N, C-alpha and C. Protein backbone atom coordinates (compact mmCIF):
# COMPACT_ATOMS: atom_id res chain seq x y z
N UNK A 1 104.57 -159.31 38.88
CA UNK A 1 103.32 -159.39 38.14
C UNK A 1 103.48 -158.65 36.82
N UNK A 2 103.08 -159.29 35.74
CA UNK A 2 103.25 -158.67 34.42
C UNK A 2 102.03 -157.82 34.04
N UNK A 3 102.26 -156.89 33.13
CA UNK A 3 101.22 -156.00 32.62
C UNK A 3 100.68 -156.61 31.33
N UNK A 4 99.37 -156.84 31.29
CA UNK A 4 98.76 -157.40 30.09
C UNK A 4 98.45 -156.28 29.11
N UNK A 5 98.70 -156.54 27.83
CA UNK A 5 98.47 -155.50 26.84
C UNK A 5 98.08 -156.06 25.49
N UNK A 6 97.48 -155.18 24.69
CA UNK A 6 97.21 -155.46 23.28
C UNK A 6 97.85 -154.37 22.45
N UNK A 7 98.22 -154.72 21.23
CA UNK A 7 98.81 -153.78 20.27
C UNK A 7 97.85 -153.61 19.10
N UNK A 8 97.73 -152.39 18.62
CA UNK A 8 96.93 -152.15 17.42
C UNK A 8 97.66 -151.15 16.53
N UNK A 9 98.10 -151.62 15.37
CA UNK A 9 98.79 -150.77 14.40
C UNK A 9 98.60 -151.40 13.02
N UNK A 10 98.24 -150.59 12.04
CA UNK A 10 97.99 -151.12 10.70
C UNK A 10 99.26 -151.37 9.90
N UNK A 11 100.40 -150.94 10.38
CA UNK A 11 101.67 -151.19 9.70
C UNK A 11 102.30 -152.47 10.27
N UNK A 12 102.37 -153.54 9.48
CA UNK A 12 102.87 -154.82 9.98
C UNK A 12 104.27 -154.74 10.59
N UNK A 13 105.16 -153.99 9.96
CA UNK A 13 106.53 -153.90 10.47
C UNK A 13 106.56 -153.26 11.85
N UNK A 14 105.81 -152.20 12.03
CA UNK A 14 105.75 -151.53 13.33
C UNK A 14 105.12 -152.45 14.37
N UNK A 15 104.00 -153.07 14.01
CA UNK A 15 103.28 -153.94 14.94
C UNK A 15 104.15 -155.13 15.35
N UNK A 16 104.78 -155.78 14.39
CA UNK A 16 105.61 -156.94 14.71
C UNK A 16 106.87 -156.54 15.46
N UNK A 17 107.43 -155.37 15.13
CA UNK A 17 108.60 -154.88 15.85
C UNK A 17 108.30 -154.61 17.31
N UNK A 18 107.18 -153.94 17.57
CA UNK A 18 106.77 -153.67 18.96
C UNK A 18 106.50 -154.97 19.69
N UNK A 19 105.84 -155.89 19.01
CA UNK A 19 105.52 -157.18 19.61
C UNK A 19 106.79 -157.94 19.98
N UNK A 20 107.76 -157.96 19.08
CA UNK A 20 109.03 -158.65 19.34
C UNK A 20 109.79 -157.98 20.48
N UNK A 21 109.81 -156.66 20.49
CA UNK A 21 110.51 -155.93 21.56
C UNK A 21 109.87 -156.20 22.91
N UNK A 22 108.56 -156.08 22.98
CA UNK A 22 107.86 -156.26 24.26
C UNK A 22 107.88 -157.72 24.73
N UNK A 23 107.94 -158.66 23.79
CA UNK A 23 107.98 -160.08 24.16
C UNK A 23 109.26 -160.43 24.92
N UNK A 24 110.31 -159.66 24.71
CA UNK A 24 111.58 -159.89 25.41
C UNK A 24 111.52 -159.44 26.87
N UNK A 25 110.59 -158.55 27.16
CA UNK A 25 110.48 -157.99 28.50
C UNK A 25 109.58 -158.88 29.36
N UNK A 26 110.05 -159.28 30.52
CA UNK A 26 109.27 -160.16 31.39
C UNK A 26 108.12 -159.43 32.07
N UNK A 27 108.13 -158.11 32.04
CA UNK A 27 107.08 -157.34 32.71
C UNK A 27 105.81 -157.21 31.87
N UNK A 28 105.82 -157.69 30.63
CA UNK A 28 104.67 -157.53 29.74
C UNK A 28 104.16 -158.87 29.26
N UNK A 29 102.84 -158.99 29.18
CA UNK A 29 102.18 -160.17 28.63
C UNK A 29 101.31 -159.70 27.47
N UNK A 30 101.72 -159.99 26.25
CA UNK A 30 101.00 -159.55 25.05
C UNK A 30 99.82 -160.50 24.81
N UNK A 31 98.62 -159.97 24.95
CA UNK A 31 97.41 -160.79 24.78
C UNK A 31 96.94 -160.84 23.34
N UNK A 32 97.22 -159.80 22.57
CA UNK A 32 96.76 -159.76 21.19
C UNK A 32 97.44 -158.67 20.40
N UNK A 33 97.43 -158.84 19.08
CA UNK A 33 98.04 -157.90 18.15
C UNK A 33 97.09 -157.74 16.97
N UNK A 34 96.73 -156.50 16.64
CA UNK A 34 95.67 -156.26 15.66
C UNK A 34 96.09 -155.24 14.62
N UNK A 35 95.57 -155.40 13.40
CA UNK A 35 95.92 -154.53 12.28
C UNK A 35 94.91 -153.41 12.05
N UNK A 36 93.80 -153.43 12.77
CA UNK A 36 92.79 -152.38 12.59
C UNK A 36 92.02 -152.18 13.89
N UNK A 37 91.32 -151.06 13.94
CA UNK A 37 90.60 -150.69 15.14
C UNK A 37 89.44 -151.60 15.49
N UNK A 38 88.73 -152.09 14.47
CA UNK A 38 87.57 -152.95 14.73
C UNK A 38 87.99 -154.25 15.43
N UNK A 39 89.01 -154.91 14.90
CA UNK A 39 89.44 -156.16 15.53
C UNK A 39 90.09 -155.90 16.88
N UNK A 40 90.78 -154.77 17.02
CA UNK A 40 91.36 -154.42 18.32
C UNK A 40 90.26 -154.21 19.35
N UNK A 41 89.18 -153.53 18.97
CA UNK A 41 88.07 -153.30 19.88
C UNK A 41 87.46 -154.63 20.34
N UNK A 42 87.27 -155.56 19.41
CA UNK A 42 86.74 -156.88 19.77
C UNK A 42 87.68 -157.59 20.74
N UNK A 43 88.99 -157.52 20.46
CA UNK A 43 89.98 -158.16 21.33
C UNK A 43 90.02 -157.53 22.71
N UNK A 44 89.94 -156.22 22.77
CA UNK A 44 89.96 -155.52 24.06
C UNK A 44 88.75 -155.91 24.89
N UNK A 45 87.58 -155.98 24.27
CA UNK A 45 86.38 -156.37 25.00
C UNK A 45 86.48 -157.80 25.52
N UNK A 46 87.06 -158.68 24.73
CA UNK A 46 87.16 -160.09 25.11
C UNK A 46 88.28 -160.35 26.10
N UNK A 47 89.46 -159.79 25.83
CA UNK A 47 90.66 -160.12 26.61
C UNK A 47 90.86 -159.25 27.85
N UNK A 48 90.27 -158.07 27.87
CA UNK A 48 90.36 -157.14 29.00
C UNK A 48 91.80 -156.88 29.46
N UNK A 49 92.64 -156.35 28.57
CA UNK A 49 94.03 -156.05 28.95
C UNK A 49 94.09 -154.86 29.90
N UNK A 50 95.22 -154.70 30.54
CA UNK A 50 95.44 -153.52 31.38
C UNK A 50 95.80 -152.30 30.53
N UNK A 51 96.48 -152.55 29.39
CA UNK A 51 96.98 -151.47 28.54
C UNK A 51 96.67 -151.79 27.08
N UNK A 52 96.31 -150.75 26.33
CA UNK A 52 96.15 -150.86 24.88
C UNK A 52 97.11 -149.88 24.22
N UNK A 53 98.05 -150.39 23.42
CA UNK A 53 98.95 -149.54 22.64
C UNK A 53 98.31 -149.35 21.28
N UNK A 54 97.90 -148.12 20.97
CA UNK A 54 97.09 -147.85 19.79
C UNK A 54 97.76 -146.88 18.84
N UNK A 55 97.79 -147.26 17.56
CA UNK A 55 98.24 -146.34 16.52
C UNK A 55 97.15 -145.29 16.35
N UNK A 56 97.53 -144.04 16.21
CA UNK A 56 96.54 -142.98 16.06
C UNK A 56 95.77 -143.15 14.75
N UNK A 57 96.47 -143.45 13.66
CA UNK A 57 95.82 -143.58 12.35
C UNK A 57 95.75 -145.05 11.93
N UNK A 58 94.53 -145.56 11.89
CA UNK A 58 94.28 -146.92 11.43
C UNK A 58 93.01 -146.88 10.59
N UNK A 59 92.84 -147.86 9.69
CA UNK A 59 91.60 -147.91 8.92
C UNK A 59 90.41 -148.21 9.83
N UNK A 60 89.26 -147.71 9.44
CA UNK A 60 88.05 -147.94 10.25
C UNK A 60 88.09 -147.09 11.50
N UNK A 61 88.12 -147.74 12.63
CA UNK A 61 88.21 -147.04 13.91
C UNK A 61 89.67 -146.66 14.15
N UNK A 62 89.95 -145.36 14.26
CA UNK A 62 91.34 -144.96 14.54
C UNK A 62 91.62 -145.04 16.04
N UNK A 63 92.87 -144.82 16.41
CA UNK A 63 93.28 -144.97 17.81
C UNK A 63 92.57 -144.03 18.76
N UNK A 64 92.32 -142.80 18.33
CA UNK A 64 91.63 -141.83 19.18
C UNK A 64 90.19 -142.27 19.43
N UNK A 65 89.50 -142.69 18.37
CA UNK A 65 88.13 -143.16 18.51
C UNK A 65 88.07 -144.44 19.35
N UNK A 66 89.07 -145.29 19.20
CA UNK A 66 89.12 -146.52 19.98
C UNK A 66 89.33 -146.22 21.46
N UNK A 67 90.20 -145.29 21.77
CA UNK A 67 90.41 -144.88 23.17
C UNK A 67 89.11 -144.32 23.75
N UNK A 68 88.38 -143.57 22.94
CA UNK A 68 87.09 -143.02 23.38
C UNK A 68 86.09 -144.15 23.66
N UNK A 69 86.06 -145.18 22.79
CA UNK A 69 85.17 -146.32 23.00
C UNK A 69 85.52 -147.05 24.30
N UNK A 70 86.81 -147.20 24.57
CA UNK A 70 87.25 -147.86 25.80
C UNK A 70 86.75 -147.07 27.01
N UNK A 71 86.93 -145.76 26.96
CA UNK A 71 86.49 -144.90 28.06
C UNK A 71 84.98 -144.94 28.21
N UNK A 72 84.25 -144.81 27.10
CA UNK A 72 82.78 -144.81 27.15
C UNK A 72 82.22 -146.13 27.68
N UNK A 73 82.94 -147.23 27.45
CA UNK A 73 82.51 -148.54 27.94
C UNK A 73 82.94 -148.77 29.39
N UNK A 74 83.61 -147.80 29.98
CA UNK A 74 84.10 -147.89 31.37
C UNK A 74 85.00 -149.09 31.60
N UNK A 75 85.78 -149.44 30.58
CA UNK A 75 86.73 -150.54 30.74
C UNK A 75 87.98 -150.02 31.44
N UNK A 76 88.52 -150.78 32.38
CA UNK A 76 89.73 -150.34 33.09
C UNK A 76 91.00 -150.61 32.28
N UNK A 77 91.08 -149.98 31.12
CA UNK A 77 92.20 -150.18 30.19
C UNK A 77 92.87 -148.83 29.95
N UNK A 78 94.17 -148.76 30.21
CA UNK A 78 94.93 -147.55 29.91
C UNK A 78 95.26 -147.55 28.42
N UNK A 79 95.05 -146.42 27.77
CA UNK A 79 95.33 -146.29 26.34
C UNK A 79 96.58 -145.45 26.13
N UNK A 80 97.51 -145.98 25.35
CA UNK A 80 98.72 -145.25 24.97
C UNK A 80 98.72 -145.13 23.46
N UNK A 81 98.94 -143.92 22.96
CA UNK A 81 98.92 -143.67 21.52
C UNK A 81 100.30 -143.77 20.91
N UNK A 82 100.36 -144.41 19.75
CA UNK A 82 101.59 -144.51 18.97
C UNK A 82 101.44 -143.63 17.74
N UNK A 83 102.50 -142.91 17.38
CA UNK A 83 102.44 -142.09 16.17
C UNK A 83 103.55 -142.48 15.23
């Protein structure tokens, strides 16, 4: 069974690199990739991934605030921070 996840990072090279790396792994199913916290939040609410890989510093909603929103909404999503 694969782990569903979303990526959120405002740096395209980092985001695409992580996406390419994780796409090679059969244990992961990438549901979405986002350049900012607002669109990541919308995707997380809609797609309901098991894991959210979040950049700490992003425009708008940063990774820490986004993890807090996930927790406050009682979504069963594990948040991992990228620096």
